[in-house]
Amino acid sequence: MLNIEKQINGSEATVRLEGRLDTTTAPELENELKSFMESITSLVFDFEKLEYISSAGLRVLLTAQKFMSKQGSMKLINVKEDVNEIFEVTGFSDILTIE
């Protein structure tokens, strides 16, 4: 299960994820992002409560990163050690901005 909480303030959006971002929940996040990404220049993912991310979740992040690199910036904050380990093993830590 994944809980998605978004907060849009002008051209900035913060998306807080809680739970698991996997093959079941990734399409839900993808649809949510599509609904507002064209109108923003800054996208922040807050992963404080994200417990797990699968390859499907990584794909959604990569797509968002490619899109945002053309019109602004994207970063991840509050990434837990377990999730950060997945980013490092897959090489995503070199692609994504993680604070």
PDB file of N, CA and C in Angstrom:
ATOM      1  N   MET A   1       0.836  -1.190   0.000  1.00  0.00           N
ATOM      2  CA  MET A   1       0.000   0.000   0.000  1.00  0.00           C
ATOM      3  C   MET A   1       0.876   1.247   0.000  1.00  0.00           C
ATOM      4  N   LEU A   2       0.419   2.270  -0.691  1.00  0.00           N
ATOM      5  CA  LEU A   2       1.152   3.524  -0.777  1.00  0.00           C
ATOM      6  C   LEU A   2       0.200   4.677  -0.523  1.00  0.00           C
ATOM      7  N   ASN A   3       0.613   5.562   0.367  1.00  0.00           N
ATOM      8  CA  ASN A   3      -0.145   6.771   0.636  1.00  0.00           C
ATOM      9  C   ASN A   3       0.612   7.925  -0.012  1.00  0.00           C
ATOM     10  N   ILE A   4      -0.060   8.665  -0.883  1.00  0.00           N
ATOM     11  CA  ILE A   4       0.557   9.781  -1.599  1.00  0.00           C
ATOM     12  C   ILE A   4      -0.079  11.074  -1.110  1.00  0.00           C
ATOM     13  N   GLU A   5       0.763  11.962  -0.613  1.00  0.00           N
ATOM     14  CA  GLU A   5       0.267  13.262  -0.164  1.00  0.00           C
ATOM     15  C   GLU A   5       1.023  14.325  -0.940  1.00  0.00           C
ATOM     16  N   LYS A   6       0.287  15.135  -1.694  1.00  0.00           N
ATOM     17  CA  LYS A   6       0.970  16.161  -2.485  1.00  0.00           C
ATOM     18  C   LYS A   6       0.587  17.553  -1.989  1.00  0.00           C
ATOM     19  N   GLN A   7       1.547  18.433  -2.097  1.00  0.00           N
ATOM     20  CA  GLN A   7       1.343  19.819  -1.698  1.00  0.00           C
ATOM     21  C   GLN A   7       1.928  20.686  -2.799  1.00  0.00           C
ATOM     22  N   ILE A   8       1.079  21.472  -3.447  1.00  0.00           N
ATOM     23  CA  ILE A   8       1.539  22.321  -4.539  1.00  0.00           C
ATOM     24  C   ILE A   8       1.436  23.776  -4.106  1.00  0.00           C
ATOM     25  N   ASN A   9       2.556  24.477  -4.238  1.00  0.00           N
ATOM     26  CA  ASN A   9       2.617  25.875  -3.854  1.00  0.00           C
ATOM     27  C   ASN A   9       3.219  26.639  -5.030  1.00  0.00           C
ATOM     28  N   GLY A  10       2.365  27.212  -5.869  1.00  0.00           N
ATOM     29  CA  GLY A  10       2.835  27.901  -7.065  1.00  0.00           C
ATOM     30  C   GLY A  10       3.478  26.922  -8.025  1.00  0.00           C
ATOM     31  N   SER A  11       4.772  27.138  -8.298  1.00  0.00           N
ATOM     32  CA  SER A  11       5.477  26.261  -9.246  1.00  0.00           C
ATOM     33  C   SER A  11       6.273  25.171  -8.526  1.00  0.00           C
ATOM     34  N   GLU A  12       6.056  25.039  -7.213  1.00  0.00           N
ATOM     35  CA  GLU A  12       6.765  24.021  -6.434  1.00  0.00           C
ATOM     36  C   GLU A  12       5.798  22.957  -5.933  1.00  0.00           C
ATOM     37  N   ALA A  13       6.230  21.713  -6.030  1.00  0.00           N
ATOM     38  CA  ALA A  13       5.402  20.605  -5.539  1.00  0.00           C
ATOM     39  C   ALA A  13       6.235  19.718  -4.618  1.00  0.00           C
ATOM     40  N   THR A  14       5.615  19.306  -3.513  1.00  0.00           N
ATOM     41  CA  THR A  14       6.228  18.336  -2.616  1.00  0.00           C
ATOM     42  C   THR A  14       5.315  17.125  -2.569  1.00  0.00           C
ATOM     43  N   VAL A  15       5.900  15.952  -2.773  1.00  0.00           N
ATOM     44  CA  VAL A  15       5.139  14.705  -2.751  1.00  0.00           C
ATOM     45  C   VAL A  15       5.696  13.837  -1.626  1.00  0.00           C
ATOM     46  N   ARG A  16       4.852  13.568  -0.631  1.00  0.00           N
ATOM     47  CA  ARG A  16       5.256  12.702   0.480  1.00  0.00           C
ATOM     48  C   ARG A  16       4.694  11.310   0.241  1.00  0.00           C
ATOM     49  N   LEU A  17       5.590  10.320   0.309  1.00  0.00           N
ATOM     50  CA  LEU A  17       5.172   8.938   0.089  1.00  0.00           C
ATOM     51  C   LEU A  17       5.292   8.151   1.391  1.00  0.00           C
ATOM     52  N   GLU A  18       4.275   7.335   1.650  1.00  0.00           N
ATOM     53  CA  GLU A  18       4.277   6.500   2.842  1.00  0.00           C
ATOM     54  C   GLU A  18       3.904   5.074   2.437  1.00  0.00           C
ATOM     55  N   GLY A  19       4.763   4.120   2.795  1.00  0.00           N
ATOM     56  CA  GLY A  19       4.470   2.725   2.482  1.00  0.00           C
ATOM     57  C   GLY A  19       5.456   2.144   1.491  1.00  0.00           C
ATOM     58  N   ARG A  20       4.900   1.440   0.486  1.00  0.00           N
ATOM     59  CA  ARG A  20       5.736   0.729  -0.485  1.00  0.00           C
ATOM     60  C   ARG A  20       5.454   1.233  -1.899  1.00  0.00           C
ATOM     61  N   LEU A  21       6.519   1.553  -2.599  1.00  0.00           N
ATOM     62  CA  LEU A  21       6.409   1.963  -4.007  1.00  0.00           C
ATOM     63  C   LEU A  21       6.883   0.779  -4.842  1.00  0.00           C
ATOM     64  N   ASP A  22       5.910   0.007  -5.361  1.00  0.00           N
ATOM     65  CA  ASP A  22       6.236  -1.228  -6.078  1.00  0.00           C
ATOM     66  C   ASP A  22       5.371  -1.363  -7.327  1.00  0.00           C
ATOM     67  N   THR A  23       5.360  -2.538  -7.925  1.00  0.00           N
ATOM     68  CA  THR A  23       4.628  -2.729  -9.187  1.00  0.00           C
ATOM     69  C   THR A  23       3.133  -2.442  -9.036  1.00  0.00           C
ATOM     70  N   THR A  24       2.593  -2.654  -7.852  1.00  0.00           N
ATOM     71  CA  THR A  24       1.169  -2.412  -7.612  1.00  0.00           C
ATOM     72  C   THR A  24       0.864  -0.921  -7.476  1.00  0.00           C
ATOM     73  N   THR A  25       1.760  -0.178  -6.807  1.00  0.00           N
ATOM     74  CA  THR A  25       1.464   1.221  -6.485  1.00  0.00           C
ATOM     75  C   THR A  25       2.127   2.233  -7.420  1.00  0.00           C
ATOM     76  N   ALA A  26       3.131   1.806  -8.181  1.00  0.00           N
ATOM     77  CA  ALA A  26       3.840   2.733  -9.082  1.00  0.00           C
ATOM     78  C   ALA A  26       2.909   3.421 -10.096  1.00  0.00           C
ATOM     79  N   PRO A  27       1.963   2.705 -10.722  1.00  0.00           N
ATOM     80  CA  PRO A  27       1.061   3.390 -11.670  1.00  0.00           C
ATOM     81  C   PRO A  27       0.237   4.500 -11.002  1.00  0.00           C
ATOM     82  N   GLU A  28      -0.107   4.293  -9.752  1.00  0.00           N
ATOM     83  CA  GLU A  28      -0.867   5.307  -8.997  1.00  0.00           C
ATOM     84  C   GLU A  28      -0.038   6.591  -8.864  1.00  0.00           C
ATOM     85  N   LEU A  29       1.239   6.443  -8.506  1.00  0.00           N
ATOM     86  CA  LEU A  29       2.119   7.610  -8.386  1.00  0.00           C
ATOM     87  C   LEU A  29       2.331   8.255  -9.742  1.00  0.00           C
ATOM     88  N   GLU A  30       2.516   7.440 -10.765  1.00  0.00           N
ATOM     89  CA  GLU A  30       2.724   7.949 -12.120  1.00  0.00           C
ATOM     90  C   GLU A  30       1.548   8.816 -12.569  1.00  0.00           C
ATOM     91  N   ASN A  31       0.334   8.355 -12.334  1.00  0.00           N
ATOM     92  CA  ASN A  31      -0.867   9.117 -12.698  1.00  0.00           C
ATOM     93  C   ASN A  31      -0.960  10.411 -11.904  1.00  0.00           C
ATOM     94  N   GLU A  32      -0.618  10.344 -10.630  1.00  0.00           N
ATOM     95  CA  GLU A  32      -0.648  11.529  -9.769  1.00  0.00           C
ATOM     96  C   GLU A  32       0.333  12.582 -10.288  1.00  0.00           C
ATOM     97  N   LEU A  33       1.530  12.161 -10.638  1.00  0.00           N
ATOM     98  CA  LEU A  33       2.546  13.091 -11.139  1.00  0.00           C
ATOM     99  C   LEU A  33       2.126  13.721 -12.463  1.00  0.00           C
ATOM    100  N   LYS A  34       1.551  12.922 -13.347  1.00  0.00           N
ATOM    101  CA  LYS A  34       1.122  13.421 -14.657  1.00  0.00           C
ATOM    102  C   LYS A  34       0.085  14.530 -14.514  1.00  0.00           C
ATOM    103  N   SER A  35      -0.680  14.488 -13.430  1.00  0.00           N
ATOM    104  CA  SER A  35      -1.767  15.457 -13.261  1.00  0.00           C
ATOM    105  C   SER A  35      -1.269  16.880 -12.973  1.00  0.00           C
ATOM    106  N   PHE A  36      -0.011  17.051 -12.548  1.00  0.00           N
ATOM    107  CA  PHE A  36       0.458  18.398 -12.219  1.00  0.00           C
ATOM    108  C   PHE A  36       1.880  18.745 -12.674  1.00  0.00           C
ATOM    109  N   MET A  37       2.642  17.791 -13.167  1.00  0.00           N
ATOM    110  CA  MET A  37       4.059  18.047 -13.446  1.00  0.00           C
ATOM    111  C   MET A  37       4.315  19.129 -14.490  1.00  0.00           C
ATOM    112  N   GLU A  38       3.436  19.297 -15.443  1.00  0.00           N
ATOM    113  CA  GLU A  38       3.680  20.284 -16.489  1.00  0.00           C
ATOM    114  C   GLU A  38       3.611  21.714 -15.975  1.00  0.00           C
ATOM    115  N   SER A  39       3.002  21.908 -14.803  1.00  0.00           N
ATOM    116  CA  SER A  39       2.822  23.272 -14.283  1.00  0.00           C
ATOM    117  C   SER A  39       3.819  23.642 -13.187  1.00  0.00           C
ATOM    118  N   ILE A  40       4.836  22.812 -12.958  1.00  0.00           N
ATOM    119  CA  ILE A  40       5.797  23.108 -11.890  1.00  0.00           C
ATOM    120  C   ILE A  40       7.229  23.169 -12.408  1.00  0.00           C
ATOM    121  N   THR A  41       8.100  23.810 -11.623  1.00  0.00           N
ATOM    122  CA  THR A  41       9.522  23.862 -11.969  1.00  0.00           C
ATOM    123  C   THR A  41      10.377  23.221 -10.875  1.00  0.00           C
ATOM    124  N   SER A  42       9.758  22.912  -9.737  1.00  0.00           N
ATOM    125  CA  SER A  42      10.494  22.280  -8.640  1.00  0.00           C
ATOM    126  C   SER A  42       9.663  21.132  -8.063  1.00  0.00           C
ATOM    127  N   LEU A  43      10.276  19.951  -8.020  1.00  0.00           N
ATOM    128  CA  LEU A  43       9.591  18.773  -7.487  1.00  0.00           C
ATOM    129  C   LEU A  43      10.451  18.164  -6.384  1.00  0.00           C
ATOM    130  N   VAL A  44       9.855  18.016  -5.201  1.00  0.00           N
ATOM    131  CA  VAL A  44      10.553  17.426  -4.061  1.00  0.00           C
ATOM    132  C   VAL A  44       9.786  16.188  -3.616  1.00  0.00           C
ATOM    133  N   PHE A  45      10.489  15.074  -3.515  1.00  0.00           N
ATOM    134  CA  PHE A  45       9.907  13.856  -2.954  1.00  0.00           C
ATOM    135  C   PHE A  45      10.394  13.719  -1.523  1.00  0.00           C
ATOM    136  N   ASP A  46       9.461  13.599  -0.590  1.00  0.00           N
ATOM    137  CA  ASP A  46       9.804  13.364   0.810  1.00  0.00           C
ATOM    138  C   ASP A  46       9.602  11.883   1.087  1.00  0.00           C
ATOM    139  N   PHE A  47      10.707  11.166   1.301  1.00  0.00           N
ATOM    140  CA  PHE A  47      10.670   9.713   1.481  1.00  0.00           C
ATOM    141  C   PHE A  47      10.780   9.298   2.948  1.00  0.00           C
ATOM    142  N   GLU A  48      10.484  10.206   3.870  1.00  0.00           N
ATOM    143  CA  GLU A  48      10.628   9.909   5.296  1.00  0.00           C
ATOM    144  C   GLU A  48       9.883   8.638   5.710  1.00  0.00           C
ATOM    145  N   LYS A  49       8.703   8.408   5.097  1.00  0.00           N
ATOM    146  CA  LYS A  49       7.889   7.254   5.487  1.00  0.00           C
ATOM    147  C   LYS A  49       7.822   6.177   4.398  1.00  0.00           C
ATOM    148  N   LEU A  50       8.702   6.301   3.388  1.00  0.00           N
ATOM    149  CA  LEU A  50       8.754   5.277   2.345  1.00  0.00           C
ATOM    150  C   LEU A  50       9.607   4.111   2.835  1.00  0.00           C
ATOM    151  N   GLU A  51       9.012   2.923   2.855  1.00  0.00           N
ATOM    152  CA  GLU A  51       9.697   1.753   3.409  1.00  0.00           C
ATOM    153  C   GLU A  51      10.431   0.934   2.357  1.00  0.00           C
ATOM    154  N   TYR A  52       9.929   0.967   1.113  1.00  0.00           N
ATOM    155  CA  TYR A  52      10.478   0.081   0.085  1.00  0.00           C
ATOM    156  C   TYR A  52      10.226   0.680  -1.294  1.00  0.00           C
ATOM    157  N   ILE A  53      11.172   0.455  -2.206  1.00  0.00           N
ATOM    158  CA  ILE A  53      10.975   0.860  -3.600  1.00  0.00           C
ATOM    159  C   ILE A  53      11.464  -0.265  -4.505  1.00  0.00           C
ATOM    160  N   SER A  54      10.652  -0.623  -5.494  1.00  0.00           N
ATOM    161  CA  SER A  54      11.011  -1.695  -6.438  1.00  0.00           C
ATOM    162  C   SER A  54      11.470  -1.072  -7.750  1.00  0.00           C
ATOM    163  N   SER A  55      11.799  -1.930  -8.709  1.00  0.00           N
ATOM    164  CA  SER A  55      12.229  -1.438 -10.025  1.00  0.00           C
ATOM    165  C   SER A  55      11.129  -0.619 -10.706  1.00  0.00           C
ATOM    166  N   ALA A  56       9.882  -0.967 -10.456  1.00  0.00           N
ATOM    167  CA  ALA A  56       8.765  -0.195 -11.029  1.00  0.00           C
ATOM    168  C   ALA A  56       8.746   1.219 -10.445  1.00  0.00           C
ATOM    169  N   GLY A  57       9.029   1.321  -9.163  1.00  0.00           N
ATOM    170  CA  GLY A  57       9.106   2.630  -8.511  1.00  0.00           C
ATOM    171  C   GLY A  57      10.285   3.437  -9.023  1.00  0.00           C
ATOM    172  N   LEU A  58      11.408   2.759  -9.234  1.00  0.00           N
ATOM    173  CA  LEU A  58      12.596   3.426  -9.778  1.00  0.00           C
ATOM    174  C   LEU A  58      12.313   3.984 -11.166  1.00  0.00           C
ATOM    175  N   ARG A  59      11.561   3.235 -11.948  1.00  0.00           N
ATOM    176  CA  ARG A  59      11.212   3.681 -13.308  1.00  0.00           C
ATOM    177  C   ARG A  59      10.398   4.983 -13.258  1.00  0.00           C
ATOM    178  N   VAL A  60       9.456   5.057 -12.333  1.00  0.00           N
ATOM    179  CA  VAL A  60       8.637   6.276 -12.198  1.00  0.00           C
ATOM    180  C   VAL A  60       9.527   7.465 -11.816  1.00  0.00           C
ATOM    181  N   LEU A  61      10.469   7.241 -10.894  1.00  0.00           N
ATOM    182  CA  LEU A  61      11.379   8.312 -10.490  1.00  0.00           C
ATOM    183  C   LEU A  61      12.273   8.746 -11.650  1.00  0.00           C
ATOM    184  N   LEU A  62      12.747   7.790 -12.437  1.00  0.00           N
ATOM    185  CA  LEU A  62      13.602   8.112 -13.574  1.00  0.00           C
ATOM    186  C   LEU A  62      12.840   8.932 -14.615  1.00  0.00           C
ATOM    187  N   THR A  63      11.614   8.549 -14.879  1.00  0.00           N
ATOM    188  CA  THR A  63      10.768   9.289 -15.819  1.00  0.00           C
ATOM    189  C   THR A  63      10.539  10.716 -15.321  1.00  0.00           C
ATOM    190  N   ALA A  64      10.244  10.846 -14.022  1.00  0.00           N
ATOM    191  CA  ALA A  64      10.026  12.174 -13.427  1.00  0.00           C
ATOM    192  C   ALA A  64      11.300  13.007 -13.499  1.00  0.00           C
ATOM    193  N   GLN A  65      12.448  12.380 -13.233  1.00  0.00           N
ATOM    194  CA  GLN A  65      13.737  13.087 -13.279  1.00  0.00           C
ATOM    195  C   GLN A  65      14.015  13.601 -14.688  1.00  0.00           C
ATOM    196  N   LYS A  66      13.781  12.768 -15.699  1.00  0.00           N
ATOM    197  CA  LYS A  66      14.009  13.177 -17.089  1.00  0.00           C
ATOM    198  C   LYS A  66      13.111  14.359 -17.449  1.00  0.00           C
ATOM    199  N   PHE A  67      11.862  14.297 -17.034  1.00  0.00           N
ATOM    200  CA  PHE A  67      10.909  15.362 -17.333  1.00  0.00           C
ATOM    201  C   PHE A  67      11.315  16.654 -16.627  1.00  0.00           C
ATOM    202  N   MET A  68      11.628  16.561 -15.338  1.00  0.00           N
ATOM    203  CA  MET A  68      11.944  17.754 -14.552  1.00  0.00           C
ATOM    204  C   MET A  68      13.278  18.374 -14.946  1.00  0.00           C
ATOM    205  N   SER A  69      14.210  17.591 -15.458  1.00  0.00           N
ATOM    206  CA  SER A  69      15.505  18.154 -15.862  1.00  0.00           C
ATOM    207  C   SER A  69      15.344  19.123 -17.034  1.00  0.00           C
ATOM    208  N   LYS A  70      14.241  18.997 -17.775  1.00  0.00           N
ATOM    209  CA  LYS A  70      13.987  19.885 -18.906  1.00  0.00           C
ATOM    210  C   LYS A  70      13.338  21.194 -18.467  1.00  0.00           C
ATOM    211  N   GLN A  71      12.651  21.173 -17.326  1.00  0.00           N
ATOM    212  CA  GLN A  71      11.916  22.382 -16.948  1.00  0.00           C
ATOM    213  C   GLN A  71      12.154  22.848 -15.521  1.00  0.00           C
ATOM    214  N   GLY A  72      13.116  22.257 -14.842  1.00  0.00           N
ATOM    215  CA  GLY A  72      13.377  22.689 -13.474  1.00  0.00           C
ATOM    216  C   GLY A  72      14.247  21.701 -12.730  1.00  0.00           C
ATOM    217  N   SER A  73      13.853  21.393 -11.503  1.00  0.00           N
ATOM    218  CA  SER A  73      14.680  20.514 -10.682  1.00  0.00           C
ATOM    219  C   SER A  73      13.826  19.519  -9.908  1.00  0.00           C
ATOM    220  N   MET A  74      14.483  18.441  -9.492  1.00  0.00           N
ATOM    221  CA  MET A  74      13.829  17.414  -8.687  1.00  0.00           C
ATOM    222  C   MET A  74      14.829  16.915  -7.660  1.00  0.00           C
ATOM    223  N   LYS A  75      14.370  16.746  -6.428  1.00  0.00           N
ATOM    224  CA  LYS A  75      15.242  16.180  -5.396  1.00  0.00           C
ATOM    225  C   LYS A  75      14.450  15.291  -4.457  1.00  0.00           C
ATOM    226  N   LEU A  76      15.191  14.405  -3.774  1.00  0.00           N
ATOM    227  CA  LEU A  76      14.608  13.500  -2.789  1.00  0.00           C
ATOM    228  C   LEU A  76      15.159  13.889  -1.424  1.00  0.00           C
ATOM    229  N   ILE A  77      14.272  13.956  -0.440  1.00  0.00           N
ATOM    230  CA  ILE A  77      14.715  14.277   0.914  1.00  0.00           C
ATOM    231  C   ILE A  77      14.250  13.197   1.888  1.00  0.00           C
ATOM    232  N   ASN A  78      14.899  13.144   3.046  1.00  0.00           N
ATOM    233  CA  ASN A  78      14.542  12.213   4.126  1.00  0.00           C
ATOM    234  C   ASN A  78      14.520  10.754   3.669  1.00  0.00           C
ATOM    235  N   VAL A  79      15.515  10.364   2.873  1.00  0.00           N
ATOM    236  CA  VAL A  79      15.564   8.994   2.350  1.00  0.00           C
ATOM    237  C   VAL A  79      16.127   8.056   3.421  1.00  0.00           C
ATOM    238  N   LYS A  80      15.354   7.012   3.737  1.00  0.00           N
ATOM    239  CA  LYS A  80      15.796   6.032   4.735  1.00  0.00           C
ATOM    240  C   LYS A  80      16.972   5.218   4.210  1.00  0.00           C
ATOM    241  N   GLU A  81      17.725   4.656   5.127  1.00  0.00           N
ATOM    242  CA  GLU A  81      18.927   3.899   4.770  1.00  0.00           C
ATOM    243  C   GLU A  81      18.617   2.724   3.838  1.00  0.00           C
ATOM    244  N   ASP A  82      17.551   1.988   4.112  1.00  0.00           N
ATOM    245  CA  ASP A  82      17.186   0.832   3.272  1.00  0.00           C
ATOM    246  C   ASP A  82      16.900   1.252   1.835  1.00  0.00           C
ATOM    247  N   VAL A  83      16.163   2.344   1.686  1.00  0.00           N
ATOM    248  CA  VAL A  83      15.814   2.838   0.351  1.00  0.00           C
ATOM    249  C   VAL A  83      17.054   3.408  -0.328  1.00  0.00           C
ATOM    250  N   ASN A  84      17.870   4.119   0.424  1.00  0.00           N
ATOM    251  CA  ASN A  84      19.095   4.697  -0.126  1.00  0.00           C
ATOM    252  C   ASN A  84      20.042   3.597  -0.627  1.00  0.00           C
ATOM    253  N   GLU A  85      20.048   2.477   0.065  1.00  0.00           N
ATOM    254  CA  GLU A  85      20.874   1.343  -0.336  1.00  0.00           C
ATOM    255  C   GLU A  85      20.451   0.844  -1.726  1.00  0.00           C
ATOM    256  N   ILE A  86      19.152   0.815  -1.974  1.00  0.00           N
ATOM    257  CA  ILE A  86      18.630   0.406  -3.282  1.00  0.00           C
ATOM    258  C   ILE A  86      19.100   1.394  -4.356  1.00  0.00           C
ATOM    259  N   PHE A  87      19.060   2.695  -4.036  1.00  0.00           N
ATOM    260  CA  PHE A  87      19.536   3.708  -4.987  1.00  0.00           C
ATOM    261  C   PHE A  87      21.016   3.503  -5.296  1.00  0.00           C
ATOM    262  N   GLU A  88      21.797   3.177  -4.287  1.00  0.00           N
ATOM    263  CA  GLU A  88      23.242   2.999  -4.489  1.00  0.00           C
ATOM    264  C   GLU A  88      23.550   1.744  -5.305  1.00  0.00           C
ATOM    265  N   VAL A  89      22.877   0.650  -4.991  1.00  0.00           N
ATOM    266  CA  VAL A  89      23.117  -0.612  -5.703  1.00  0.00           C
ATOM    267  C   VAL A  89      22.739  -0.497  -7.182  1.00  0.00           C
ATOM    268  N   THR A  90      21.655   0.225  -7.461  1.00  0.00           N
ATOM    269  CA  THR A  90      21.167   0.346  -8.836  1.00  0.00           C
ATOM    270  C   THR A  90      21.849   1.479  -9.622  1.00  0.00           C
ATOM    271  N   GLY A  91      22.628   2.306  -8.928  1.00  0.00           N
ATOM    272  CA  GLY A  91      23.274   3.441  -9.596  1.00  0.00           C
ATOM    273  C   GLY A  91      22.407   4.685  -9.634  1.00  0.00           C
ATOM    274  N   PHE A  92      21.226   4.601  -9.070  1.00  0.00           N
ATOM    275  CA  PHE A  92      20.316   5.749  -9.087  1.00  0.00           C
ATOM    276  C   PHE A  92      20.825   6.895  -8.224  1.00  0.00           C
ATOM    277  N   SER A  93      21.701   6.593  -7.267  1.00  0.00           N
ATOM    278  CA  SER A  93      22.253   7.660  -6.429  1.00  0.00           C
ATOM    279  C   SER A  93      23.116   8.609  -7.257  1.00  0.00           C
ATOM    280  N   ASP A  94      23.583   8.149  -8.418  1.00  0.00           N
ATOM    281  CA  ASP A  94      24.355   9.011  -9.313  1.00  0.00           C
ATOM    282  C   ASP A  94      23.453   9.851 -10.220  1.00  0.00           C
ATOM    283  N   ILE A  95      22.224   9.427 -10.393  1.00  0.00           N
ATOM    284  CA  ILE A  95      21.287  10.095 -11.302  1.00  0.00           C
ATOM    285  C   ILE A  95      20.408  11.095 -10.562  1.00  0.00           C
ATOM    286  N   LEU A  96      19.967  10.715  -9.361  1.00  0.00           N
ATOM    287  CA  LEU A  96      19.027  11.520  -8.590  1.00  0.00           C
ATOM    288  C   LEU A  96      19.750  12.447  -7.603  1.00  0.00           C
ATOM    289  N   THR A  97      19.113  13.565  -7.295  1.00  0.00           N
ATOM    290  CA  THR A  97      19.622  14.457  -6.263  1.00  0.00           C
ATOM    291  C   THR A  97      18.998  14.027  -4.949  1.00  0.00           C
ATOM    292  N   ILE A  98      19.836  13.535  -4.043  1.00  0.00           N
ATOM    293  CA  ILE A  98      19.347  13.038  -2.756  1.00  0.00           C
ATOM    294  C   ILE A  98      19.969  13.874  -1.657  1.00  0.00           C
ATOM    295  N   GLU A  99      19.118  14.474  -0.822  1.00  0.00           N
ATOM    296  CA  GLU A  99      19.604  15.318   0.279  1.00  0.00           C
ATOM    297  C   GLU A  99      19.267  14.687   1.617  1.00  0.00           C
TER     298      GLU A  99
END
